[in-house]
Amino acid sequence: MTQEPLSPVVREVIIGLVDAVGTGDDARIDRLLEQLVRIGSPDALYELRRQLARGPGSP
């Protein structure tokens, strides 16, 4: 993936998704995933995968 930093909006969506997965909030997960897909950045999806692999509570 590229080394360009993600936008603040994308970072907020990823943080929200990781939190929603940790709490099991399905409605929020659906809403935020839809937002992330609309953004359409492969780097954002890669970062989401990386954050989810680290587990909840990881910075």
C-alpha atoms as a PDB file:
ATOM      1  CA  MET A   1       0.000   0.000   0.000  1.00  0.00           C
ATOM      2  CA  THR A   2       1.051   3.596  -0.375  1.00  0.00           C
ATOM      3  CA  GLN A   3       2.683   5.532   2.405  1.00  0.00           C
ATOM      4  CA  GLU A   4       0.325   8.513   2.095  1.00  0.00           C
ATOM      5  CA  PRO A   5      -1.404   9.345   5.363  1.00  0.00           C
ATOM      6  CA  LEU A   6      -5.114   8.656   5.550  1.00  0.00           C
ATOM      7  CA  SER A   7      -7.478  11.593   5.774  1.00  0.00           C
ATOM      8  CA  PRO A   8      -8.923  12.477   9.183  1.00  0.00           C
ATOM      9  CA  VAL A   9     -12.371  11.380   7.960  1.00  0.00           C
ATOM     10  CA  VAL A  10     -11.092   7.938   7.016  1.00  0.00           C
ATOM     11  CA  ARG A  11      -9.260   7.603  10.336  1.00  0.00           C
ATOM     12  CA  GLU A  12     -12.469   8.487  12.236  1.00  0.00           C
ATOM     13  CA  VAL A  13     -14.453   5.880  10.295  1.00  0.00           C
ATOM     14  CA  ILE A  14     -11.821   3.209  10.990  1.00  0.00           C
ATOM     15  CA  ILE A  15     -11.687   4.065  14.695  1.00  0.00           C
ATOM     16  CA  GLY A  16     -15.482   3.920  14.830  1.00  0.00           C
ATOM     17  CA  LEU A  17     -15.549   0.572  13.063  1.00  0.00           C
ATOM     18  CA  VAL A  18     -12.980  -0.996  15.349  1.00  0.00           C
ATOM     19  CA  ASP A  19     -14.954   0.268  18.346  1.00  0.00           C
ATOM     20  CA  ALA A  20     -18.269  -0.974  16.903  1.00  0.00           C
ATOM     21  CA  VAL A  21     -16.803  -4.424  16.229  1.00  0.00           C
ATOM     22  CA  GLY A  22     -15.527  -4.537  19.807  1.00  0.00           C
ATOM     23  CA  THR A  23     -18.966  -3.725  21.197  1.00  0.00           C
ATOM     24  CA  GLY A  24     -20.941  -5.792  18.687  1.00  0.00           C
ATOM     25  CA  ASP A  25     -22.974  -2.809  17.439  1.00  0.00           C
ATOM     26  CA  ASP A  26     -24.194  -4.286  14.135  1.00  0.00           C
ATOM     27  CA  ALA A  27     -26.140  -1.218  13.000  1.00  0.00           C
ATOM     28  CA  ARG A  28     -23.126   1.034  13.514  1.00  0.00           C
ATOM     29  CA  ILE A  29     -20.839  -1.480  11.785  1.00  0.00           C
ATOM     30  CA  ASP A  30     -23.138  -1.525   8.740  1.00  0.00           C
ATOM     31  CA  ARG A  31     -23.352   2.273   8.588  1.00  0.00           C
ATOM     32  CA  LEU A  32     -19.603   2.806   8.933  1.00  0.00           C
ATOM     33  CA  LEU A  33     -18.708   0.050   6.465  1.00  0.00           C
ATOM     34  CA  GLU A  34     -21.024   1.645   3.933  1.00  0.00           C
ATOM     35  CA  GLN A  35     -19.255   4.955   4.513  1.00  0.00           C
ATOM     36  CA  LEU A  36     -15.840   3.348   4.064  1.00  0.00           C
ATOM     37  CA  VAL A  37     -16.905   1.613   0.844  1.00  0.00           C
ATOM     38  CA  ARG A  38     -18.189   4.932  -0.522  1.00  0.00           C
ATOM     39  CA  ILE A  39     -14.800   6.498   0.193  1.00  0.00           C
ATOM     40  CA  GLY A  40     -13.361   3.711  -1.949  1.00  0.00           C
ATOM     41  CA  SER A  41      -9.754   3.813  -0.786  1.00  0.00           C
ATOM     42  CA  PRO A  42      -7.805   0.541  -0.872  1.00  0.00           C
ATOM     43  CA  ASP A  43      -5.460   2.073   1.717  1.00  0.00           C
ATOM     44  CA  ALA A  44      -8.407   2.654   4.052  1.00  0.00           C
ATOM     45  CA  LEU A  45      -9.527  -0.955   3.721  1.00  0.00           C
ATOM     46  CA  TYR A  46      -5.979  -2.170   4.330  1.00  0.00           C
ATOM     47  CA  GLU A  47      -5.739  -0.001   7.456  1.00  0.00           C
ATOM     48  CA  LEU A  48      -9.100  -1.300   8.714  1.00  0.00           C
ATOM     49  CA  ARG A  49      -7.899  -4.874   8.252  1.00  0.00           C
ATOM     50  CA  ARG A  50      -4.678  -4.053  10.095  1.00  0.00           C
ATOM     51  CA  GLN A  51      -6.507  -2.413  13.000  1.00  0.00           C
ATOM     52  CA  LEU A  52      -9.000  -5.267  13.336  1.00  0.00           C
ATOM     53  CA  ALA A  53      -6.160  -7.795  13.360  1.00  0.00           C
ATOM     54  CA  ARG A  54      -4.589  -5.938  16.297  1.00  0.00           C
ATOM     55  CA  GLY A  55      -7.779  -6.414  18.292  1.00  0.00           C
ATOM     56  CA  PRO A  56      -9.865  -4.066  20.396  1.00  0.00           C
ATOM     57  CA  GLY A  57      -8.055  -1.687  22.677  1.00  0.00           C
ATOM     58  CA  SER A  58      -4.929  -1.479  20.530  1.00  0.00           C
ATOM     59  CA  PRO A  59      -3.816   2.039  19.600  1.00  0.00           C
END
